[in-house]
Amino acid sequence: EWAFGDREFRTSLLNNIIWLAVVPAACTFFGLIIAVLTDKIWWGTIAKSLIFLPLAISFVGASVIWKFIYEYRGAGQTQIGLLNAIIQYF
């Protein structure tokens, strides 16, 4: 049976098209509204910091993980970096 002849396929395709159109537009709209409103209030910098803090924390967490993967100690010392420990094992 052809895909467009199936009612469930058409329904799911329509739902995906709605998601594709509505979600980015709504996120952009609400983000712009929040940006304009926090720019006008006196505690706007605090609000922006609280909004962007989870983003910064995830970058810090990722950098710590990558540091542990690539950690290198000098020759003759035990390697604690995951990648260097694997290379040294072989």
PDB file of N, CA and C in Angstrom:
ATOM      1  N   GLU A   1       0.846  -1.180   0.000  1.00  0.00           N
ATOM      2  CA  GLU A   1       0.000   0.000   0.000  1.00  0.00           C
ATOM      3  C   GLU A   1       0.890   1.241   0.000  1.00  0.00           C
ATOM      4  N   TRP A   2       0.479   2.234  -0.712  1.00  0.00           N
ATOM      5  CA  TRP A   2       1.253   3.462  -0.847  1.00  0.00           C
ATOM      6  C   TRP A   2       1.147   4.287   0.429  1.00  0.00           C
ATOM      7  N   ALA A   3       2.215   4.948   0.826  1.00  0.00           N
ATOM      8  CA  ALA A   3       2.270   5.627   2.120  1.00  0.00           C
ATOM      9  C   ALA A   3       1.211   6.724   2.246  1.00  0.00           C
ATOM     10  N   PHE A   4       1.021   7.520   1.200  1.00  0.00           N
ATOM     11  CA  PHE A   4       0.066   8.625   1.306  1.00  0.00           C
ATOM     12  C   PHE A   4      -1.380   8.141   1.306  1.00  0.00           C
ATOM     13  N   GLY A   5      -1.610   6.903   0.981  1.00  0.00           N
ATOM     14  CA  GLY A   5      -2.953   6.341   1.038  1.00  0.00           C
ATOM     15  C   GLY A   5      -3.349   5.917   2.443  1.00  0.00           C
ATOM     16  N   ASP A   6      -2.367   5.819   3.322  1.00  0.00           N
ATOM     17  CA  ASP A   6      -2.622   5.401   4.702  1.00  0.00           C
ATOM     18  C   ASP A   6      -3.009   6.612   5.550  1.00  0.00           C
ATOM     19  N   ARG A   7      -4.132   6.505   6.234  1.00  0.00           N
ATOM     20  CA  ARG A   7      -4.622   7.631   7.036  1.00  0.00           C
ATOM     21  C   ARG A   7      -3.680   7.957   8.190  1.00  0.00           C
ATOM     22  N   GLU A   8      -3.129   6.947   8.853  1.00  0.00           N
ATOM     23  CA  GLU A   8      -2.215   7.184   9.972  1.00  0.00           C
ATOM     24  C   GLU A   8      -0.949   7.900   9.511  1.00  0.00           C
ATOM     25  N   PHE A   9      -0.465   7.545   8.323  1.00  0.00           N
ATOM     26  CA  PHE A   9       0.717   8.219   7.794  1.00  0.00           C
ATOM     27  C   PHE A   9       0.433   9.693   7.542  1.00  0.00           C
ATOM     28  N   ARG A  10      -0.721   9.983   6.936  1.00  0.00           N
ATOM     29  CA  ARG A  10      -1.072  11.381   6.666  1.00  0.00           C
ATOM     30  C   ARG A  10      -1.229  12.173   7.960  1.00  0.00           C
ATOM     31  N   THR A  11      -1.814  11.555   8.973  1.00  0.00           N
ATOM     32  CA  THR A  11      -1.972  12.226  10.265  1.00  0.00           C
ATOM     33  C   THR A  11      -0.621  12.515  10.896  1.00  0.00           C
ATOM     34  N   SER A  12       0.265  11.528  10.884  1.00  0.00           N
ATOM     35  CA  SER A  12       1.590  11.748  11.480  1.00  0.00           C
ATOM     36  C   SER A  12       2.398  12.749  10.665  1.00  0.00           C
ATOM     37  N   LEU A  13       2.254  12.748   9.349  1.00  0.00           N
ATOM     38  CA  LEU A  13       2.945  13.727   8.514  1.00  0.00           C
ATOM     39  C   LEU A  13       2.443  15.139   8.815  1.00  0.00           C
ATOM     40  N   LEU A  14       1.143  15.295   8.953  1.00  0.00           N
ATOM     41  CA  LEU A  14       0.574  16.601   9.289  1.00  0.00           C
ATOM     42  C   LEU A  14       1.048  17.062  10.668  1.00  0.00           C
ATOM     43  N   ASN A  15       1.092  16.147  11.632  1.00  0.00           N
ATOM     44  CA  ASN A  15       1.588  16.501  12.965  1.00  0.00           C
ATOM     45  C   ASN A  15       3.044  16.951  12.905  1.00  0.00           C
ATOM     46  N   ASN A  16       3.859  16.281  12.112  1.00  0.00           N
ATOM     47  CA  ASN A  16       5.263  16.677  11.975  1.00  0.00           C
ATOM     48  C   ASN A  16       5.406  18.034  11.307  1.00  0.00           C
ATOM     49  N   ILE A  17       4.585  18.310  10.313  1.00  0.00           N
ATOM     50  CA  ILE A  17       4.638  19.610   9.639  1.00  0.00           C
ATOM     51  C   ILE A  17       4.227  20.719  10.609  1.00  0.00           C
ATOM     52  N   ILE A  18       3.203  20.450  11.413  1.00  0.00           N
ATOM     53  CA  ILE A  18       2.787  21.441  12.416  1.00  0.00           C
ATOM     54  C   ILE A  18       3.908  21.682  13.413  1.00  0.00           C
ATOM     55  N   TRP A  19       4.531  20.600  13.896  1.00  0.00           N
ATOM     56  CA  TRP A  19       5.671  20.746  14.813  1.00  0.00           C
ATOM     57  C   TRP A  19       6.769  21.570  14.169  1.00  0.00           C
ATOM     58  N   LEU A  20       7.057  21.281  12.920  1.00  0.00           N
ATOM     59  CA  LEU A  20       8.131  21.967  12.207  1.00  0.00           C
ATOM     60  C   LEU A  20       7.839  23.449  12.039  1.00  0.00           C
ATOM     61  N   ALA A  21       6.591  23.815  11.877  1.00  0.00           N
ATOM     62  CA  ALA A  21       6.240  25.218  11.677  1.00  0.00           C
ATOM     63  C   ALA A  21       6.027  25.961  12.996  1.00  0.00           C
ATOM     64  N   VAL A  22       5.368  25.330  13.945  1.00  0.00           N
ATOM     65  CA  VAL A  22       4.946  26.027  15.157  1.00  0.00           C
ATOM     66  C   VAL A  22       6.064  26.147  16.189  1.00  0.00           C
ATOM     67  N   VAL A  23       6.782  25.078  16.454  1.00  0.00           N
ATOM     68  CA  VAL A  23       7.749  25.085  17.552  1.00  0.00           C
ATOM     69  C   VAL A  23       8.879  26.095  17.331  1.00  0.00           C
ATOM     70  N   PRO A  24       9.562  26.122  16.180  1.00  0.00           N
ATOM     71  CA  PRO A  24      10.606  27.147  16.022  1.00  0.00           C
ATOM     72  C   PRO A  24      10.059  28.573  16.069  1.00  0.00           C
ATOM     73  N   ALA A  25       8.885  28.785  15.483  1.00  0.00           N
ATOM     74  CA  ALA A  25       8.296  30.126  15.513  1.00  0.00           C
ATOM     75  C   ALA A  25       7.928  30.526  16.939  1.00  0.00           C
ATOM     76  N   ALA A  26       7.349  29.610  17.699  1.00  0.00           N
ATOM     77  CA  ALA A  26       6.971  29.919  19.079  1.00  0.00           C
ATOM     78  C   ALA A  26       8.201  30.150  19.951  1.00  0.00           C
ATOM     79  N   CYS A  27       9.228  29.331  19.774  1.00  0.00           N
ATOM     80  CA  CYS A  27      10.458  29.518  20.565  1.00  0.00           C
ATOM     81  C   CYS A  27      11.110  30.858  20.250  1.00  0.00           C
ATOM     82  N   THR A  28      11.140  31.214  18.991  1.00  0.00           N
ATOM     83  CA  THR A  28      11.716  32.502  18.605  1.00  0.00           C
ATOM     84  C   THR A  28      10.886  33.651  19.158  1.00  0.00           C
ATOM     85  N   PHE A  29       9.580  33.551  19.043  1.00  0.00           N
ATOM     86  CA  PHE A  29       8.692  34.603  19.534  1.00  0.00           C
ATOM     87  C   PHE A  29       8.833  34.789  21.040  1.00  0.00           C
ATOM     88  N   PHE A  30       8.732  33.702  21.796  1.00  0.00           N
ATOM     89  CA  PHE A  30       8.821  33.816  23.253  1.00  0.00           C
ATOM     90  C   PHE A  30      10.218  34.214  23.705  1.00  0.00           C
ATOM     91  N   GLY A  31      11.241  33.753  23.009  1.00  0.00           N
ATOM     92  CA  GLY A  31      12.599  34.177  23.334  1.00  0.00           C
ATOM     93  C   GLY A  31      12.790  35.665  23.117  1.00  0.00           C
ATOM     94  N   LEU A  32      12.229  36.186  22.037  1.00  0.00           N
ATOM     95  CA  LEU A  32      12.312  37.619  21.760  1.00  0.00           C
ATOM     96  C   LEU A  32      11.548  38.425  22.806  1.00  0.00           C
ATOM     97  N   ILE A  33      10.379  37.948  23.183  1.00  0.00           N
ATOM     98  CA  ILE A  33       9.594  38.626  24.222  1.00  0.00           C
ATOM     99  C   ILE A  33      10.365  38.652  25.548  1.00  0.00           C
ATOM    100  N   ILE A  34      10.939  37.529  25.934  1.00  0.00           N
ATOM    101  CA  ILE A  34      11.709  37.474  27.185  1.00  0.00           C
ATOM    102  C   ILE A  34      12.916  38.397  27.112  1.00  0.00           C
ATOM    103  N   ALA A  35      13.590  38.430  25.959  1.00  0.00           N
ATOM    104  CA  ALA A  35      14.759  39.298  25.813  1.00  0.00           C
ATOM    105  C   ALA A  35      14.374  40.769  25.937  1.00  0.00           C
ATOM    106  N   VAL A  36      13.275  41.163  25.322  1.00  0.00           N
ATOM    107  CA  VAL A  36      12.839  42.559  25.392  1.00  0.00           C
ATOM    108  C   VAL A  36      12.403  42.913  26.814  1.00  0.00           C
ATOM    109  N   LEU A  37      11.665  42.023  27.455  1.00  0.00           N
ATOM    110  CA  LEU A  37      11.190  42.310  28.811  1.00  0.00           C
ATOM    111  C   LEU A  37      12.331  42.361  29.823  1.00  0.00           C
ATOM    112  N   THR A  38      13.302  41.471  29.709  1.00  0.00           N
ATOM    113  CA  THR A  38      14.410  41.494  30.668  1.00  0.00           C
ATOM    114  C   THR A  38      15.353  42.650  30.405  1.00  0.00           C
ATOM    115  N   ASP A  39      15.296  43.216  29.222  1.00  0.00           N
ATOM    116  CA  ASP A  39      16.134  44.377  28.930  1.00  0.00           C
ATOM    117  C   ASP A  39      15.567  45.640  29.578  1.00  0.00           C
ATOM    118  N   LYS A  40      14.273  45.653  29.836  1.00  0.00           N
ATOM    119  CA  LYS A  40      13.613  46.843  30.367  1.00  0.00           C
ATOM    120  C   LYS A  40      13.566  46.892  31.895  1.00  0.00           C
ATOM    121  N   ILE A  41      13.813  45.778  32.565  1.00  0.00           N
ATOM    122  CA  ILE A  41      13.714  45.766  34.025  1.00  0.00           C
ATOM    123  C   ILE A  41      15.094  45.920  34.655  1.00  0.00           C
ATOM    124  N   TRP A  42      15.112  46.397  35.893  1.00  0.00           N
ATOM    125  CA  TRP A  42      16.389  46.696  36.535  1.00  0.00           C
ATOM    126  C   TRP A  42      17.164  45.441  36.904  1.00  0.00           C
ATOM    127  N   TRP A  43      16.478  44.334  37.141  1.00  0.00           N
ATOM    128  CA  TRP A  43      17.168  43.098  37.491  1.00  0.00           C
ATOM    129  C   TRP A  43      17.300  42.172  36.286  1.00  0.00           C
ATOM    130  N   GLY A  44      17.327  42.768  35.102  1.00  0.00           N
ATOM    131  CA  GLY A  44      17.408  41.995  33.865  1.00  0.00           C
ATOM    132  C   GLY A  44      18.677  41.173  33.734  1.00  0.00           C
ATOM    133  N   THR A  45      19.805  41.730  34.186  1.00  0.00           N
ATOM    134  CA  THR A  45      21.056  40.967  34.086  1.00  0.00           C
ATOM    135  C   THR A  45      21.018  39.733  34.983  1.00  0.00           C
ATOM    136  N   ILE A  46      20.373  39.834  36.126  1.00  0.00           N
ATOM    137  CA  ILE A  46      20.244  38.660  37.002  1.00  0.00           C
ATOM    138  C   ILE A  46      19.362  37.609  36.329  1.00  0.00           C
ATOM    139  N   ALA A  47      18.271  38.050  35.723  1.00  0.00           N
ATOM    140  CA  ALA A  47      17.375  37.118  35.042  1.00  0.00           C
ATOM    141  C   ALA A  47      18.084  36.437  33.878  1.00  0.00           C
ATOM    142  N   LYS A  48      18.846  37.208  33.104  1.00  0.00           N
ATOM    143  CA  LYS A  48      19.585  36.616  31.987  1.00  0.00           C
ATOM    144  C   LYS A  48      20.625  35.627  32.482  1.00  0.00           C
ATOM    145  N   SER A  49      21.274  35.947  33.587  1.00  0.00           N
ATOM    146  CA  SER A  49      22.258  35.018  34.158  1.00  0.00           C
ATOM    147  C   SER A  49      21.599  33.713  34.579  1.00  0.00           C
ATOM    148  N   LEU A  50      20.431  33.807  35.202  1.00  0.00           N
ATOM    149  CA  LEU A  50      19.729  32.599  35.619  1.00  0.00           C
ATOM    150  C   LEU A  50      19.242  31.779  34.433  1.00  0.00           C
ATOM    151  N   ILE A  51      18.880  32.459  33.347  1.00  0.00           N
ATOM    152  CA  ILE A  51      18.420  31.747  32.156  1.00  0.00           C
ATOM    153  C   ILE A  51      19.581  31.022  31.480  1.00  0.00           C
ATOM    154  N   PHE A  52      20.750  31.676  31.397  1.00  0.00           N
ATOM    155  CA  PHE A  52      21.878  31.087  30.678  1.00  0.00           C
ATOM    156  C   PHE A  52      22.797  30.242  31.551  1.00  0.00           C
ATOM    157  N   LEU A  53      22.589  30.209  32.855  1.00  0.00           N
ATOM    158  CA  LEU A  53      23.445  29.437  33.752  1.00  0.00           C
ATOM    159  C   LEU A  53      23.457  27.940  33.425  1.00  0.00           C
ATOM    160  N   PRO A  54      22.326  27.295  33.158  1.00  0.00           N
ATOM    161  CA  PRO A  54      22.393  25.866  32.805  1.00  0.00           C
ATOM    162  C   PRO A  54      23.224  25.603  31.553  1.00  0.00           C
ATOM    163  N   LEU A  55      23.196  26.510  30.600  1.00  0.00           N
ATOM    164  CA  LEU A  55      24.003  26.348  29.394  1.00  0.00           C
ATOM    165  C   LEU A  55      25.484  26.386  29.732  1.00  0.00           C
ATOM    166  N   ALA A  56      25.890  27.324  30.570  1.00  0.00           N
ATOM    167  CA  ALA A  56      27.297  27.433  30.954  1.00  0.00           C
ATOM    168  C   ALA A  56      27.736  26.229  31.771  1.00  0.00           C
ATOM    169  N   ILE A  57      26.877  25.751  32.643  1.00  0.00           N
ATOM    170  CA  ILE A  57      27.229  24.597  33.472  1.00  0.00           C
ATOM    171  C   ILE A  57      27.437  23.364  32.605  1.00  0.00           C
ATOM    172  N   SER A  58      26.638  23.182  31.577  1.00  0.00           N
ATOM    173  CA  SER A  58      26.824  22.012  30.722  1.00  0.00           C
ATOM    174  C   SER A  58      28.146  22.093  29.968  1.00  0.00           C
ATOM    175  N   PHE A  59      28.575  23.295  29.557  1.00  0.00           N
ATOM    176  CA  PHE A  59      29.880  23.435  28.914  1.00  0.00           C
ATOM    177  C   PHE A  59      31.006  23.113  29.884  1.00  0.00           C
ATOM    178  N   VAL A  60      30.867  23.532  31.128  1.00  0.00           N
ATOM    179  CA  VAL A  60      31.887  23.226  32.138  1.00  0.00           C
ATOM    180  C   VAL A  60      31.952  21.723  32.376  1.00  0.00           C
ATOM    181  N   GLY A  61      30.807  21.086  32.494  1.00  0.00           N
ATOM    182  CA  GLY A  61      30.782  19.634  32.685  1.00  0.00           C
ATOM    183  C   GLY A  61      31.407  18.892  31.525  1.00  0.00           C
ATOM    184  N   ALA A  62      31.100  19.315  30.310  1.00  0.00           N
ATOM    185  CA  ALA A  62      31.688  18.675  29.134  1.00  0.00           C
ATOM    186  C   ALA A  62      33.191  18.883  29.090  1.00  0.00           C
ATOM    187  N   SER A  63      33.652  20.064  29.462  1.00  0.00           N
ATOM    188  CA  SER A  63      35.099  20.312  29.433  1.00  0.00           C
ATOM    189  C   SER A  63      35.825  19.471  30.475  1.00  0.00           C
ATOM    190  N   VAL A  64      35.217  19.246  31.626  1.00  0.00           N
ATOM    191  CA  VAL A  64      35.839  18.388  32.642  1.00  0.00           C
ATOM    192  C   VAL A  64      35.927  16.951  32.140  1.00  0.00           C
ATOM    193  N   ILE A  65      34.882  16.479  31.498  1.00  0.00           N
ATOM    194  CA  ILE A  65      34.899  15.119  30.954  1.00  0.00           C
ATOM    195  C   ILE A  65      35.986  14.975  29.902  1.00  0.00           C
ATOM    196  N   TRP A  66      36.087  15.939  28.975  1.00  0.00           N
ATOM    197  CA  TRP A  66      37.130  15.864  27.943  1.00  0.00           C
ATOM    198  C   TRP A  66      38.521  15.977  28.548  1.00  0.00           C
ATOM    199  N   LYS A  67      38.662  16.748  29.618  1.00  0.00           N
ATOM    200  CA  LYS A  67      39.960  16.845  30.292  1.00  0.00           C
ATOM    201  C   LYS A  67      40.371  15.486  30.837  1.00  0.00           C
ATOM    202  N   PHE A  68      39.436  14.752  31.431  1.00  0.00           N
ATOM    203  CA  PHE A  68      39.759  13.422  31.946  1.00  0.00           C
ATOM    204  C   PHE A  68      40.089  12.447  30.820  1.00  0.00           C
ATOM    205  N   ILE A  69      39.496  12.618  29.675  1.00  0.00           N
ATOM    206  CA  ILE A  69      39.793  11.722  28.558  1.00  0.00           C
ATOM    207  C   ILE A  69      41.197  11.969  28.033  1.00  0.00           C
ATOM    208  N   TYR A  70      41.601  13.226  27.919  1.00  0.00           N
ATOM    209  CA  TYR A  70      42.888  13.562  27.312  1.00  0.00           C
ATOM    210  C   TYR A  70      43.994  13.859  28.324  1.00  0.00           C
ATOM    211  N   GLU A  71      43.765  13.654  29.618  1.00  0.00           N
ATOM    212  CA  GLU A  71      44.763  13.961  30.645  1.00  0.00           C
ATOM    213  C   GLU A  71      46.066  13.212  30.356  1.00  0.00           C
ATOM    214  N   TYR A  72      47.170  13.948  30.320  1.00  0.00           N
ATOM    215  CA  TYR A  72      48.477  13.340  30.054  1.00  0.00           C
ATOM    216  C   TYR A  72      49.436  13.678  31.180  1.00  0.00           C
ATOM    217  N   ARG A  73      50.128  12.682  31.644  1.00  0.00           N
ATOM    218  CA  ARG A  73      51.204  12.879  32.609  1.00  0.00           C
ATOM    219  C   ARG A  73      52.498  12.490  31.919  1.00  0.00           C
ATOM    220  N   GLY A  74      53.585  12.983  32.434  1.00  0.00           N
ATOM    221  CA  GLY A  74      54.881  12.748  31.814  1.00  0.00           C
ATOM    222  C   GLY A  74      55.253  11.276  31.739  1.00  0.00           C
ATOM    223  N   ALA A  75      56.330  11.003  31.002  1.00  0.00           N
ATOM    224  CA  ALA A  75      56.795   9.629  30.821  1.00  0.00           C
ATOM    225  C   ALA A  75      57.169   9.028  32.169  1.00  0.00           C
ATOM    226  N   GLY A  76      56.836   7.770  32.364  1.00  0.00           N
ATOM    227  CA  GLY A  76      57.155   7.081  33.603  1.00  0.00           C
ATOM    228  C   GLY A  76      56.093   7.224  34.675  1.00  0.00           C
ATOM    229  N   GLN A  77      55.110   8.081  34.473  1.00  0.00           N
ATOM    230  CA  GLN A  77      54.031   8.249  35.446  1.00  0.00           C
ATOM    231  C   GLN A  77      52.791   7.504  34.964  1.00  0.00           C
ATOM    232  N   THR A  78      51.956   7.144  35.901  1.00  0.00           N
ATOM    233  CA  THR A  78      50.716   6.465  35.550  1.00  0.00           C
ATOM    234  C   THR A  78      49.803   7.427  34.796  1.00  0.00           C
ATOM    235  N   GLN A  79      49.310   6.969  33.662  1.00  0.00           N
ATOM    236  CA  GLN A  79      48.411   7.799  32.859  1.00  0.00           C
ATOM    237  C   GLN A  79      46.993   7.671  33.404  1.00  0.00           C
ATOM    238  N   ILE A  80      46.376   8.795  33.700  1.00  0.00           N
ATOM    239  CA  ILE A  80      45.006   8.757  34.208  1.00  0.00           C
ATOM    240  C   ILE A  80      43.989   9.125  33.126  1.00  0.00           C
ATOM    241  N   GLY A  81      44.450   9.676  32.023  1.00  0.00           N
ATOM    242  CA  GLY A  81      43.536   9.979  30.933  1.00  0.00           C
ATOM    243  C   GLY A  81      43.090   8.704  30.248  1.00  0.00           C
ATOM    244  N   LEU A  82      41.815   8.595  29.974  1.00  0.00           N
ATOM    245  CA  LEU A  82      41.272   7.379  29.394  1.00  0.00           C
ATOM    246  C   LEU A  82      41.934   7.042  28.068  1.00  0.00           C
ATOM    247  N   LEU A  83      42.058   8.014  27.195  1.00  0.00           N
ATOM    248  CA  LEU A  83      42.650   7.764  25.884  1.00  0.00           C
ATOM    249  C   LEU A  83      44.122   7.385  26.003  1.00  0.00           C
ATOM    250  N   ASN A  84      44.872   8.098  26.829  1.00  0.00           N
ATOM    251  CA  ASN A  84      46.291   7.787  27.004  1.00  0.00           C
ATOM    252  C   ASN A  84      46.493   6.446  27.692  1.00  0.00           C
ATOM    253  N   ALA A  85      45.620   6.090  28.623  1.00  0.00           N
ATOM    254  CA  ALA A  85      45.734   4.794  29.289  1.00  0.00           C
ATOM    255  C   ALA A  85      45.509   3.658  28.301  1.00  0.00           C
ATOM    256  N   ILE A  86      44.566   3.827  27.399  1.00  0.00           N
ATOM    257  CA  ILE A  86      44.316   2.796  26.384  1.00  0.00           C
ATOM    258  C   ILE A  86      45.505   2.682  25.443  1.00  0.00           C
ATOM    259  N   ILE A  87      46.037   3.814  25.001  1.00  0.00           N
ATOM    260  CA  ILE A  87      47.197   3.796  24.101  1.00  0.00           C
ATOM    261  C   ILE A  87      48.395   3.169  24.798  1.00  0.00           C
ATOM    262  N   GLN A  88      48.619   3.495  26.045  1.00  0.00           N
ATOM    263  CA  GLN A  88      49.758   2.958  26.785  1.00  0.00           C
ATOM    264  C   GLN A  88      49.600   1.453  27.013  1.00  0.00           C
ATOM    265  N   TYR A  89      48.381   0.977  27.160  1.00  0.00           N
ATOM    266  CA  TYR A  89      48.140  -0.443  27.382  1.00  0.00           C
ATOM    267  C   TYR A  89      48.591  -1.258  26.182  1.00  0.00           C
ATOM    268  N   PHE A  90      48.374  -0.745  24.989  1.00  0.00           N
ATOM    269  CA  PHE A  90      48.765  -1.458  23.776  1.00  0.00           C
ATOM    270  C   PHE A  90      50.118  -0.985  23.376  1.00  0.00           C
TER     271      PHE A  90
END
